[in-house]
N, C-alpha and C. Protein backbone atom coordinates (compact mmCIF):
# COMPACT_ATOMS: atom_id res chain seq x y z
N MET A 1 8.04 14.85 4.19
CA MET A 1 6.73 14.24 4.29
C MET A 1 6.76 12.91 3.54
N LEU A 2 6.05 11.94 4.06
CA LEU A 2 5.94 10.63 3.43
C LEU A 2 4.51 10.44 2.96
N TYR A 3 4.36 10.16 1.68
CA TYR A 3 3.06 9.89 1.08
C TYR A 3 3.02 8.42 0.69
N VAL A 4 2.10 7.67 1.27
CA VAL A 4 1.95 6.25 0.96
C VAL A 4 0.69 6.13 0.10
N VAL A 5 0.89 5.74 -1.15
CA VAL A 5 -0.17 5.76 -2.17
C VAL A 5 -0.52 4.34 -2.57
N ARG A 6 -1.81 4.05 -2.62
CA ARG A 6 -2.24 2.77 -3.18
C ARG A 6 -2.24 2.91 -4.69
N HIS A 7 -1.86 1.85 -5.36
CA HIS A 7 -1.88 1.84 -6.83
C HIS A 7 -3.30 2.08 -7.35
N GLY A 8 -3.39 2.46 -8.62
CA GLY A 8 -4.69 2.62 -9.27
C GLY A 8 -5.39 1.28 -9.46
N ARG A 9 -6.64 1.35 -9.85
CA ARG A 9 -7.49 0.16 -9.96
C ARG A 9 -7.04 -0.78 -11.08
N THR A 10 -7.28 -2.07 -10.85
CA THR A 10 -7.09 -3.11 -11.87
C THR A 10 -8.45 -3.77 -12.12
N GLU A 11 -8.55 -4.54 -13.19
CA GLU A 11 -9.79 -5.28 -13.44
C GLU A 11 -10.08 -6.25 -12.30
N ALA A 12 -9.05 -6.86 -11.73
CA ALA A 12 -9.24 -7.80 -10.61
C ALA A 12 -9.79 -7.08 -9.39
N ASN A 13 -9.29 -5.85 -9.11
CA ASN A 13 -9.84 -5.07 -8.00
C ASN A 13 -11.32 -4.78 -8.25
N ALA A 14 -11.64 -4.35 -9.46
CA ALA A 14 -13.03 -4.00 -9.79
C ALA A 14 -13.95 -5.21 -9.67
N ALA A 15 -13.41 -6.40 -9.90
CA ALA A 15 -14.21 -7.63 -9.84
C ALA A 15 -14.32 -8.19 -8.42
N GLY A 16 -13.65 -7.58 -7.44
CA GLY A 16 -13.75 -8.03 -6.06
C GLY A 16 -12.92 -9.27 -5.76
N LEU A 17 -11.80 -9.41 -6.45
CA LEU A 17 -10.92 -10.56 -6.21
C LEU A 17 -9.85 -10.22 -5.19
N LEU A 18 -9.42 -11.20 -4.42
CA LEU A 18 -8.24 -11.03 -3.57
C LEU A 18 -7.04 -10.95 -4.51
N LEU A 19 -6.32 -9.88 -4.41
CA LEU A 19 -5.22 -9.64 -5.35
C LEU A 19 -3.95 -9.42 -4.55
N GLY A 20 -3.14 -10.46 -4.46
CA GLY A 20 -1.89 -10.40 -3.73
C GLY A 20 -0.72 -10.31 -4.68
N ARG A 21 -0.09 -11.44 -4.94
CA ARG A 21 1.13 -11.46 -5.75
C ARG A 21 0.85 -11.64 -7.24
N LEU A 22 -0.42 -11.85 -7.63
CA LEU A 22 -0.73 -11.83 -9.06
C LEU A 22 -0.33 -10.47 -9.59
N ASP A 23 -0.05 -10.37 -10.88
CA ASP A 23 0.59 -9.16 -11.38
C ASP A 23 -0.14 -8.50 -12.56
N PRO A 24 -1.43 -8.18 -12.41
CA PRO A 24 -2.12 -7.51 -13.51
C PRO A 24 -1.74 -6.03 -13.58
N ASP A 25 -1.96 -5.46 -14.74
CA ASP A 25 -1.71 -4.03 -14.94
C ASP A 25 -2.94 -3.24 -14.51
N LEU A 26 -2.79 -1.93 -14.50
CA LEU A 26 -3.90 -1.03 -14.24
C LEU A 26 -4.93 -1.14 -15.36
N ASP A 27 -6.20 -0.93 -15.04
CA ASP A 27 -7.20 -0.81 -16.09
C ASP A 27 -7.29 0.67 -16.48
N HIS A 28 -8.20 1.00 -17.39
CA HIS A 28 -8.32 2.38 -17.88
C HIS A 28 -8.56 3.35 -16.72
N THR A 29 -9.45 3.00 -15.81
CA THR A 29 -9.73 3.85 -14.64
C THR A 29 -8.49 3.98 -13.77
N GLY A 30 -7.76 2.88 -13.59
CA GLY A 30 -6.56 2.88 -12.76
C GLY A 30 -5.48 3.82 -13.29
N TRP A 31 -5.32 3.85 -14.61
CA TRP A 31 -4.35 4.79 -15.19
C TRP A 31 -4.74 6.24 -14.91
N ALA A 32 -6.02 6.54 -15.05
CA ALA A 32 -6.50 7.91 -14.77
C ALA A 32 -6.28 8.25 -13.30
N GLN A 33 -6.55 7.29 -12.41
CA GLN A 33 -6.34 7.51 -10.98
C GLN A 33 -4.86 7.76 -10.68
N ALA A 34 -3.98 6.99 -11.30
CA ALA A 34 -2.54 7.15 -11.08
C ALA A 34 -2.08 8.54 -11.50
N ARG A 35 -2.53 8.99 -12.67
CA ARG A 35 -2.15 10.33 -13.14
C ARG A 35 -2.67 11.41 -12.20
N ALA A 36 -3.89 11.23 -11.70
CA ALA A 36 -4.47 12.22 -10.78
C ALA A 36 -3.67 12.30 -9.48
N ALA A 37 -3.26 11.15 -8.94
CA ALA A 37 -2.47 11.14 -7.71
C ALA A 37 -1.12 11.82 -7.94
N ALA A 38 -0.48 11.51 -9.05
CA ALA A 38 0.83 12.12 -9.35
C ALA A 38 0.70 13.62 -9.52
N ASN A 39 -0.32 14.05 -10.21
CA ASN A 39 -0.52 15.49 -10.42
C ASN A 39 -0.82 16.21 -9.12
N ALA A 40 -1.50 15.54 -8.21
CA ALA A 40 -1.86 16.17 -6.93
C ALA A 40 -0.65 16.28 -5.99
N LEU A 41 0.25 15.31 -6.02
CA LEU A 41 1.36 15.26 -5.07
C LEU A 41 2.69 15.73 -5.64
N GLY A 42 2.89 15.52 -6.92
CA GLY A 42 4.22 15.72 -7.49
C GLY A 42 4.46 17.13 -7.97
N PRO A 43 5.70 17.41 -8.37
CA PRO A 43 6.85 16.51 -8.28
C PRO A 43 7.33 16.34 -6.83
N VAL A 44 8.00 15.22 -6.60
CA VAL A 44 8.51 14.90 -5.27
C VAL A 44 10.00 14.60 -5.35
N ASP A 45 10.62 14.41 -4.20
CA ASP A 45 12.07 14.17 -4.16
C ASP A 45 12.46 12.72 -4.45
N ARG A 46 11.56 11.79 -4.12
CA ARG A 46 11.91 10.37 -4.25
C ARG A 46 10.64 9.57 -4.44
N VAL A 47 10.69 8.54 -5.31
CA VAL A 47 9.56 7.64 -5.54
C VAL A 47 10.03 6.20 -5.33
N VAL A 48 9.34 5.49 -4.43
CA VAL A 48 9.65 4.10 -4.10
C VAL A 48 8.40 3.29 -4.44
N SER A 49 8.60 2.07 -4.95
CA SER A 49 7.45 1.26 -5.36
C SER A 49 7.62 -0.21 -5.01
N SER A 50 6.49 -0.85 -4.83
CA SER A 50 6.41 -2.30 -4.83
C SER A 50 6.89 -2.78 -6.20
N PRO A 51 7.37 -4.03 -6.28
CA PRO A 51 7.81 -4.54 -7.58
C PRO A 51 6.67 -4.95 -8.52
N LEU A 52 5.43 -5.00 -8.03
CA LEU A 52 4.33 -5.46 -8.87
C LEU A 52 3.93 -4.39 -9.88
N LEU A 53 3.53 -4.84 -11.07
CA LEU A 53 3.27 -3.96 -12.22
C LEU A 53 2.27 -2.85 -11.91
N ARG A 54 1.19 -3.17 -11.21
CA ARG A 54 0.17 -2.15 -10.93
C ARG A 54 0.73 -1.00 -10.08
N ALA A 55 1.65 -1.34 -9.18
CA ALA A 55 2.30 -0.30 -8.36
C ALA A 55 3.39 0.41 -9.16
N ARG A 56 4.20 -0.34 -9.89
CA ARG A 56 5.27 0.28 -10.69
C ARG A 56 4.70 1.27 -11.70
N ASN A 57 3.60 0.91 -12.34
CA ASN A 57 3.03 1.83 -13.34
C ASN A 57 2.41 3.05 -12.68
N THR A 58 1.81 2.89 -11.52
CA THR A 58 1.32 4.05 -10.77
C THR A 58 2.50 4.94 -10.39
N ALA A 59 3.57 4.34 -9.88
CA ALA A 59 4.76 5.12 -9.52
C ALA A 59 5.37 5.80 -10.73
N GLY A 60 5.30 5.15 -11.87
CA GLY A 60 5.85 5.73 -13.09
C GLY A 60 5.20 7.04 -13.47
N THR A 61 3.94 7.23 -13.10
CA THR A 61 3.28 8.50 -13.41
C THR A 61 3.91 9.64 -12.63
N PHE A 62 4.47 9.35 -11.45
CA PHE A 62 5.18 10.38 -10.68
C PHE A 62 6.50 10.73 -11.37
N SER A 63 7.21 9.72 -11.87
CA SER A 63 8.50 9.99 -12.50
C SER A 63 8.33 10.73 -13.82
N LEU A 64 7.17 10.64 -14.44
CA LEU A 64 6.92 11.41 -15.66
C LEU A 64 6.92 12.91 -15.39
N LEU A 65 6.61 13.31 -14.16
CA LEU A 65 6.56 14.73 -13.82
C LEU A 65 7.94 15.36 -13.75
N ASP A 66 8.95 14.58 -13.31
CA ASP A 66 10.26 15.19 -13.11
C ASP A 66 11.43 14.31 -13.54
N GLY A 67 11.15 13.16 -14.10
CA GLY A 67 12.21 12.31 -14.61
C GLY A 67 12.95 11.50 -13.57
N LYS A 68 12.54 11.55 -12.32
CA LYS A 68 13.22 10.77 -11.27
C LYS A 68 12.92 9.27 -11.48
N ALA A 69 13.92 8.47 -11.29
CA ALA A 69 13.75 7.03 -11.42
C ALA A 69 12.92 6.48 -10.26
N VAL A 70 12.14 5.45 -10.55
CA VAL A 70 11.37 4.76 -9.51
C VAL A 70 12.27 3.71 -8.88
N GLU A 71 12.37 3.75 -7.55
CA GLU A 71 13.15 2.76 -6.81
C GLU A 71 12.22 1.61 -6.40
N ILE A 72 12.63 0.39 -6.68
CA ILE A 72 11.84 -0.78 -6.31
C ILE A 72 12.31 -1.31 -4.96
N ASP A 73 11.37 -1.52 -4.05
CA ASP A 73 11.67 -2.08 -2.74
C ASP A 73 10.70 -3.24 -2.50
N GLU A 74 11.24 -4.44 -2.48
CA GLU A 74 10.44 -5.66 -2.32
C GLU A 74 9.59 -5.67 -1.05
N ARG A 75 10.00 -4.92 -0.04
CA ARG A 75 9.25 -4.93 1.22
C ARG A 75 7.87 -4.30 1.08
N TRP A 76 7.62 -3.57 0.00
CA TRP A 76 6.33 -2.93 -0.22
C TRP A 76 5.38 -3.78 -1.06
N ILE A 77 5.77 -5.02 -1.38
CA ILE A 77 4.90 -5.90 -2.16
C ILE A 77 3.64 -6.24 -1.35
N GLU A 78 2.57 -6.55 -2.05
CA GLU A 78 1.31 -6.90 -1.38
C GLU A 78 1.47 -8.19 -0.60
N MET A 79 0.58 -8.38 0.38
CA MET A 79 0.53 -9.61 1.16
C MET A 79 0.42 -10.80 0.21
N ASP A 80 1.07 -11.88 0.57
CA ASP A 80 0.96 -13.11 -0.20
C ASP A 80 -0.29 -13.85 0.30
N TYR A 81 -1.31 -13.88 -0.56
CA TYR A 81 -2.55 -14.56 -0.21
C TYR A 81 -2.51 -16.05 -0.50
N GLY A 82 -1.37 -16.55 -0.94
CA GLY A 82 -1.21 -17.98 -1.18
C GLY A 82 -2.28 -18.51 -2.10
N THR A 83 -2.94 -19.60 -1.69
CA THR A 83 -3.94 -20.24 -2.54
C THR A 83 -5.21 -19.41 -2.69
N PHE A 84 -5.35 -18.35 -1.89
CA PHE A 84 -6.52 -17.47 -2.02
C PHE A 84 -6.34 -16.41 -3.12
N ASP A 85 -5.12 -16.24 -3.60
CA ASP A 85 -4.83 -15.19 -4.57
C ASP A 85 -5.68 -15.37 -5.83
N GLY A 86 -6.34 -14.31 -6.22
CA GLY A 86 -7.18 -14.33 -7.41
C GLY A 86 -8.59 -14.84 -7.19
N GLN A 87 -8.90 -15.25 -5.96
CA GLN A 87 -10.22 -15.77 -5.64
C GLN A 87 -11.17 -14.63 -5.25
N PRO A 88 -12.46 -14.77 -5.57
CA PRO A 88 -13.42 -13.77 -5.08
C PRO A 88 -13.42 -13.74 -3.55
N VAL A 89 -13.49 -12.56 -2.99
CA VAL A 89 -13.53 -12.40 -1.53
C VAL A 89 -14.65 -13.26 -0.95
N ALA A 90 -15.77 -13.32 -1.64
CA ALA A 90 -16.93 -14.07 -1.16
C ALA A 90 -16.68 -15.58 -1.08
N ASN A 91 -15.65 -16.08 -1.75
CA ASN A 91 -15.35 -17.52 -1.71
C ASN A 91 -14.63 -17.94 -0.43
N VAL A 92 -14.12 -16.99 0.33
CA VAL A 92 -13.46 -17.32 1.60
C VAL A 92 -14.54 -17.45 2.66
N SER A 93 -14.54 -18.56 3.36
CA SER A 93 -15.62 -18.85 4.32
C SER A 93 -15.60 -17.88 5.50
N ARG A 94 -16.75 -17.70 6.10
CA ARG A 94 -16.88 -16.85 7.28
C ARG A 94 -15.96 -17.35 8.41
N LYS A 95 -15.88 -18.67 8.56
CA LYS A 95 -15.03 -19.26 9.60
C LYS A 95 -13.57 -18.88 9.36
N THR A 96 -13.12 -18.94 8.11
CA THR A 96 -11.74 -18.57 7.78
C THR A 96 -11.48 -17.11 8.09
N TRP A 97 -12.43 -16.22 7.71
CA TRP A 97 -12.27 -14.80 8.02
C TRP A 97 -12.16 -14.59 9.53
N ASP A 98 -12.97 -15.30 10.30
CA ASP A 98 -12.94 -15.16 11.76
C ASP A 98 -11.59 -15.58 12.34
N VAL A 99 -11.05 -16.70 11.87
CA VAL A 99 -9.75 -17.17 12.33
C VAL A 99 -8.66 -16.16 11.93
N TRP A 100 -8.73 -15.67 10.69
CA TRP A 100 -7.73 -14.72 10.18
C TRP A 100 -7.72 -13.44 11.02
N ARG A 101 -8.91 -12.93 11.34
CA ARG A 101 -9.02 -11.70 12.13
C ARG A 101 -8.53 -11.88 13.57
N ALA A 102 -8.66 -13.07 14.08
CA ALA A 102 -8.33 -13.32 15.50
C ALA A 102 -6.86 -13.62 15.74
N ASP A 103 -6.08 -13.89 14.69
CA ASP A 103 -4.71 -14.36 14.89
C ASP A 103 -3.78 -13.71 13.88
N LEU A 104 -2.93 -12.78 14.34
CA LEU A 104 -1.98 -12.10 13.44
C LEU A 104 -0.97 -13.05 12.81
N ASP A 105 -0.79 -14.23 13.40
CA ASP A 105 0.17 -15.19 12.86
C ASP A 105 -0.45 -16.18 11.88
N TRP A 106 -1.77 -16.14 11.73
CA TRP A 106 -2.43 -17.04 10.77
C TRP A 106 -2.15 -16.55 9.36
N ALA A 107 -1.96 -17.48 8.45
CA ALA A 107 -1.74 -17.14 7.05
C ALA A 107 -2.55 -18.08 6.17
N PRO A 108 -3.01 -17.60 5.01
CA PRO A 108 -3.66 -18.50 4.07
C PRO A 108 -2.68 -19.60 3.66
N PRO A 109 -3.17 -20.75 3.21
CA PRO A 109 -2.26 -21.80 2.77
C PRO A 109 -1.27 -21.26 1.74
N GLU A 110 0.02 -21.49 2.00
CA GLU A 110 1.12 -21.03 1.15
C GLU A 110 1.25 -19.51 1.12
N GLY A 111 0.63 -18.82 2.09
CA GLY A 111 0.63 -17.37 2.10
C GLY A 111 1.41 -16.78 3.25
N GLU A 112 1.09 -15.54 3.57
CA GLU A 112 1.83 -14.74 4.53
C GLU A 112 0.89 -14.22 5.62
N SER A 113 1.41 -14.09 6.83
CA SER A 113 0.59 -13.58 7.94
C SER A 113 0.67 -12.06 8.01
N HIS A 114 -0.28 -11.46 8.71
CA HIS A 114 -0.24 -10.02 8.95
C HIS A 114 0.99 -9.62 9.75
N ARG A 115 1.39 -10.46 10.69
CA ARG A 115 2.55 -10.13 11.51
C ARG A 115 3.82 -10.06 10.65
N THR A 116 4.00 -11.03 9.77
CA THR A 116 5.18 -11.04 8.89
C THR A 116 5.19 -9.83 7.98
N LEU A 117 4.04 -9.51 7.41
CA LEU A 117 3.93 -8.33 6.56
C LEU A 117 4.26 -7.08 7.35
N GLY A 118 3.73 -6.95 8.55
CA GLY A 118 3.97 -5.78 9.38
C GLY A 118 5.44 -5.58 9.70
N ILE A 119 6.16 -6.66 9.93
CA ILE A 119 7.59 -6.57 10.24
C ILE A 119 8.36 -6.00 9.06
N ARG A 120 8.08 -6.48 7.85
CA ARG A 120 8.84 -5.99 6.69
C ARG A 120 8.48 -4.55 6.34
N VAL A 121 7.20 -4.19 6.49
CA VAL A 121 6.80 -2.81 6.18
C VAL A 121 7.37 -1.84 7.21
N ARG A 122 7.36 -2.21 8.47
CA ARG A 122 7.93 -1.34 9.51
C ARG A 122 9.42 -1.09 9.27
N ALA A 123 10.14 -2.12 8.83
CA ALA A 123 11.56 -1.95 8.54
C ALA A 123 11.76 -0.94 7.40
N ALA A 124 10.94 -1.02 6.38
CA ALA A 124 11.03 -0.07 5.26
C ALA A 124 10.70 1.34 5.72
N LEU A 125 9.69 1.48 6.56
CA LEU A 125 9.31 2.80 7.07
C LEU A 125 10.39 3.42 7.94
N GLU A 126 11.01 2.62 8.78
CA GLU A 126 12.07 3.13 9.65
C GLU A 126 13.21 3.70 8.82
N GLU A 127 13.51 3.07 7.68
CA GLU A 127 14.58 3.57 6.82
C GLU A 127 14.22 4.90 6.15
N LEU A 128 12.94 5.14 5.90
CA LEU A 128 12.51 6.36 5.22
C LEU A 128 12.20 7.51 6.18
N HIS A 129 11.97 7.19 7.43
CA HIS A 129 11.44 8.15 8.39
C HIS A 129 12.31 9.41 8.51
N GLU A 130 13.57 9.26 8.77
CA GLU A 130 14.43 10.44 8.98
C GLU A 130 14.50 11.30 7.72
N GLU A 131 14.66 10.66 6.58
CA GLU A 131 14.73 11.40 5.31
C GLU A 131 13.44 12.18 5.05
N SER A 132 12.31 11.65 5.49
CA SER A 132 11.02 12.30 5.23
C SER A 132 10.86 13.61 6.01
N ARG A 133 11.77 13.89 6.94
CA ARG A 133 11.75 15.18 7.65
C ARG A 133 12.06 16.34 6.71
N THR A 134 12.91 16.07 5.72
CA THR A 134 13.39 17.15 4.84
C THR A 134 13.09 16.90 3.36
N SER A 135 12.52 15.76 3.04
CA SER A 135 12.23 15.41 1.65
C SER A 135 10.79 14.93 1.50
N GLU A 136 10.26 15.10 0.30
CA GLU A 136 8.93 14.57 -0.02
C GLU A 136 9.13 13.24 -0.71
N ILE A 137 8.66 12.18 -0.06
CA ILE A 137 8.85 10.81 -0.55
C ILE A 137 7.49 10.18 -0.80
N VAL A 138 7.33 9.59 -1.98
CA VAL A 138 6.13 8.83 -2.31
C VAL A 138 6.49 7.36 -2.34
N VAL A 139 5.68 6.54 -1.65
CA VAL A 139 5.78 5.09 -1.73
C VAL A 139 4.48 4.61 -2.36
N VAL A 140 4.58 3.86 -3.45
CA VAL A 140 3.40 3.29 -4.09
C VAL A 140 3.34 1.81 -3.76
N THR A 141 2.23 1.41 -3.17
CA THR A 141 2.12 0.05 -2.66
C THR A 141 0.67 -0.44 -2.74
N HIS A 142 0.27 -1.29 -1.81
CA HIS A 142 -0.99 -2.02 -1.87
C HIS A 142 -1.74 -1.90 -0.55
N VAL A 143 -2.94 -2.46 -0.51
CA VAL A 143 -3.82 -2.34 0.65
C VAL A 143 -3.15 -2.80 1.95
N SER A 144 -2.65 -4.03 1.99
CA SER A 144 -2.14 -4.56 3.26
C SER A 144 -0.89 -3.83 3.75
N PRO A 145 0.09 -3.50 2.90
CA PRO A 145 1.21 -2.70 3.40
C PRO A 145 0.77 -1.31 3.88
N ILE A 146 -0.23 -0.73 3.24
CA ILE A 146 -0.72 0.57 3.70
C ILE A 146 -1.33 0.45 5.09
N LYS A 147 -2.06 -0.61 5.33
CA LYS A 147 -2.64 -0.82 6.66
C LYS A 147 -1.55 -1.04 7.70
N ALA A 148 -0.48 -1.73 7.32
CA ALA A 148 0.66 -1.91 8.24
C ALA A 148 1.34 -0.58 8.50
N ALA A 149 1.44 0.27 7.47
CA ALA A 149 2.02 1.61 7.65
C ALA A 149 1.13 2.46 8.56
N LEU A 150 -0.17 2.30 8.45
CA LEU A 150 -1.09 3.01 9.35
C LEU A 150 -0.83 2.60 10.79
N ALA A 151 -0.69 1.31 11.03
CA ALA A 151 -0.41 0.81 12.39
C ALA A 151 0.90 1.40 12.92
N TRP A 152 1.92 1.45 12.07
CA TRP A 152 3.21 2.03 12.46
C TRP A 152 3.06 3.50 12.82
N ALA A 153 2.37 4.25 11.97
CA ALA A 153 2.21 5.68 12.20
C ALA A 153 1.45 5.96 13.50
N LEU A 154 0.47 5.13 13.81
CA LEU A 154 -0.34 5.33 15.01
C LEU A 154 0.27 4.68 16.26
N GLY A 155 1.28 3.85 16.06
CA GLY A 155 1.88 3.15 17.20
C GLY A 155 0.96 2.10 17.79
N VAL A 156 0.19 1.43 16.93
CA VAL A 156 -0.74 0.39 17.37
C VAL A 156 -0.39 -0.93 16.69
N GLY A 157 -1.07 -1.99 17.09
CA GLY A 157 -0.82 -3.30 16.52
C GLY A 157 -1.44 -3.46 15.14
N ASP A 158 -0.99 -4.49 14.45
CA ASP A 158 -1.46 -4.75 13.09
C ASP A 158 -2.93 -5.17 13.04
N GLU A 159 -3.55 -5.37 14.19
CA GLU A 159 -4.99 -5.69 14.23
C GLU A 159 -5.81 -4.58 13.60
N VAL A 160 -5.28 -3.36 13.58
CA VAL A 160 -6.00 -2.23 13.00
C VAL A 160 -6.32 -2.47 11.52
N ALA A 161 -5.60 -3.38 10.88
CA ALA A 161 -5.83 -3.68 9.47
C ALA A 161 -7.29 -4.03 9.18
N TRP A 162 -7.93 -4.68 10.11
CA TRP A 162 -9.30 -5.12 9.89
C TRP A 162 -10.31 -3.98 10.07
N ARG A 163 -9.86 -2.83 10.52
CA ARG A 163 -10.77 -1.71 10.77
C ARG A 163 -10.49 -0.52 9.85
N ALA A 164 -9.79 -0.76 8.77
CA ALA A 164 -9.44 0.32 7.85
C ALA A 164 -9.76 -0.09 6.42
N TYR A 165 -10.22 0.87 5.66
CA TYR A 165 -10.50 0.67 4.23
C TYR A 165 -9.52 1.55 3.45
N VAL A 166 -8.98 1.01 2.37
CA VAL A 166 -8.01 1.73 1.54
C VAL A 166 -8.51 1.73 0.10
N ALA A 167 -8.90 2.88 -0.41
CA ALA A 167 -9.42 3.02 -1.77
C ALA A 167 -8.29 3.01 -2.80
N PRO A 168 -8.59 2.59 -4.03
CA PRO A 168 -7.58 2.68 -5.09
C PRO A 168 -7.09 4.12 -5.26
N ALA A 169 -5.80 4.27 -5.44
CA ALA A 169 -5.13 5.57 -5.67
C ALA A 169 -5.32 6.55 -4.51
N SER A 170 -5.65 6.05 -3.34
CA SER A 170 -5.77 6.92 -2.17
C SER A 170 -4.39 7.22 -1.60
N VAL A 171 -4.33 8.28 -0.79
CA VAL A 171 -3.06 8.75 -0.23
C VAL A 171 -3.14 8.78 1.29
N MET A 172 -2.11 8.22 1.93
CA MET A 172 -1.92 8.39 3.37
C MET A 172 -0.71 9.30 3.53
N THR A 173 -0.82 10.29 4.38
CA THR A 173 0.27 11.24 4.61
C THR A 173 0.80 11.08 6.03
N ILE A 174 2.12 10.87 6.13
CA ILE A 174 2.76 10.68 7.43
C ILE A 174 3.87 11.71 7.58
N GLY A 175 3.75 12.54 8.61
CA GLY A 175 4.80 13.50 8.92
C GLY A 175 5.79 12.90 9.89
N ALA A 176 6.95 13.52 9.97
CA ALA A 176 7.98 13.08 10.91
C ALA A 176 8.02 14.09 12.05
N GLY A 177 7.25 13.82 13.09
CA GLY A 177 7.18 14.72 14.24
C GLY A 177 8.36 14.53 15.17
N PRO A 178 8.48 15.38 16.19
CA PRO A 178 9.60 15.29 17.13
C PRO A 178 9.60 13.99 17.93
N GLU A 179 8.44 13.39 18.11
CA GLU A 179 8.35 12.15 18.89
C GLU A 179 8.15 10.92 18.01
N GLY A 180 8.29 11.09 16.70
CA GLY A 180 8.10 9.96 15.79
C GLY A 180 7.10 10.28 14.71
N PRO A 181 6.57 9.24 14.06
CA PRO A 181 5.65 9.48 12.96
C PRO A 181 4.35 10.13 13.45
N SER A 182 3.75 10.90 12.54
CA SER A 182 2.51 11.61 12.85
C SER A 182 1.57 11.48 11.66
N LEU A 183 0.44 10.80 11.86
CA LEU A 183 -0.52 10.62 10.78
C LEU A 183 -1.18 11.96 10.46
N ARG A 184 -1.05 12.39 9.21
CA ARG A 184 -1.61 13.68 8.78
C ARG A 184 -2.84 13.50 7.90
N GLY A 185 -2.96 12.35 7.27
CA GLY A 185 -4.12 12.09 6.42
C GLY A 185 -4.18 10.61 6.08
N PHE A 186 -5.41 10.10 5.86
CA PHE A 186 -5.57 8.69 5.54
C PHE A 186 -6.70 8.51 4.54
N ASN A 187 -6.47 7.65 3.56
CA ASN A 187 -7.46 7.28 2.55
C ASN A 187 -8.00 8.53 1.82
N ASP A 188 -7.11 9.47 1.57
CA ASP A 188 -7.49 10.70 0.89
C ASP A 188 -7.66 10.43 -0.60
N THR A 189 -8.86 10.70 -1.10
CA THR A 189 -9.14 10.53 -2.53
C THR A 189 -9.64 11.84 -3.14
N GLY A 190 -9.37 12.97 -2.47
CA GLY A 190 -9.84 14.26 -2.96
C GLY A 190 -9.32 14.61 -4.34
N HIS A 191 -8.19 14.05 -4.74
CA HIS A 191 -7.60 14.33 -6.04
C HIS A 191 -8.32 13.58 -7.16
N LEU A 192 -9.15 12.62 -6.81
CA LEU A 192 -9.85 11.82 -7.82
C LEU A 192 -11.16 12.50 -8.14
């Protein structure tokens, strides 16, 4: 089974900022959320994480359960919001949001497109898919990679990103069915 977990909350998340490649740590609530997710899912066979601190520290709570090392995979890093990183969501104009939603290849200035993010996340998922048939794997990552993983699991385009909400420390569960990935759960926060 593959569990794709969003990191716990940060102060920037709580403040409603676009948080891409900036690297804040978890806040007090985020640490509690990370421990709750680890206790609900762990111990597991393998833990993979984005290189960003908020994800690494969330993943570290899983390794505390059984001592397994956290593997860092750059492909699970959050979308690069470029010049929008750290800005309040409300500061992005309605026109910009409309253009962004309409074009998977559009990217914020100095940032990354949804299509580019989807390609790297799908490659990471394809590598984990077969192993997830017989092992329990946790990937700790961020909102945009989770939405790309949702698209992969459902076999749909990355446009689905605009129609999904991902809560802090939520869990998406993907099984490895006979015909490919099978979405078993999404945005599960029952452990919180």
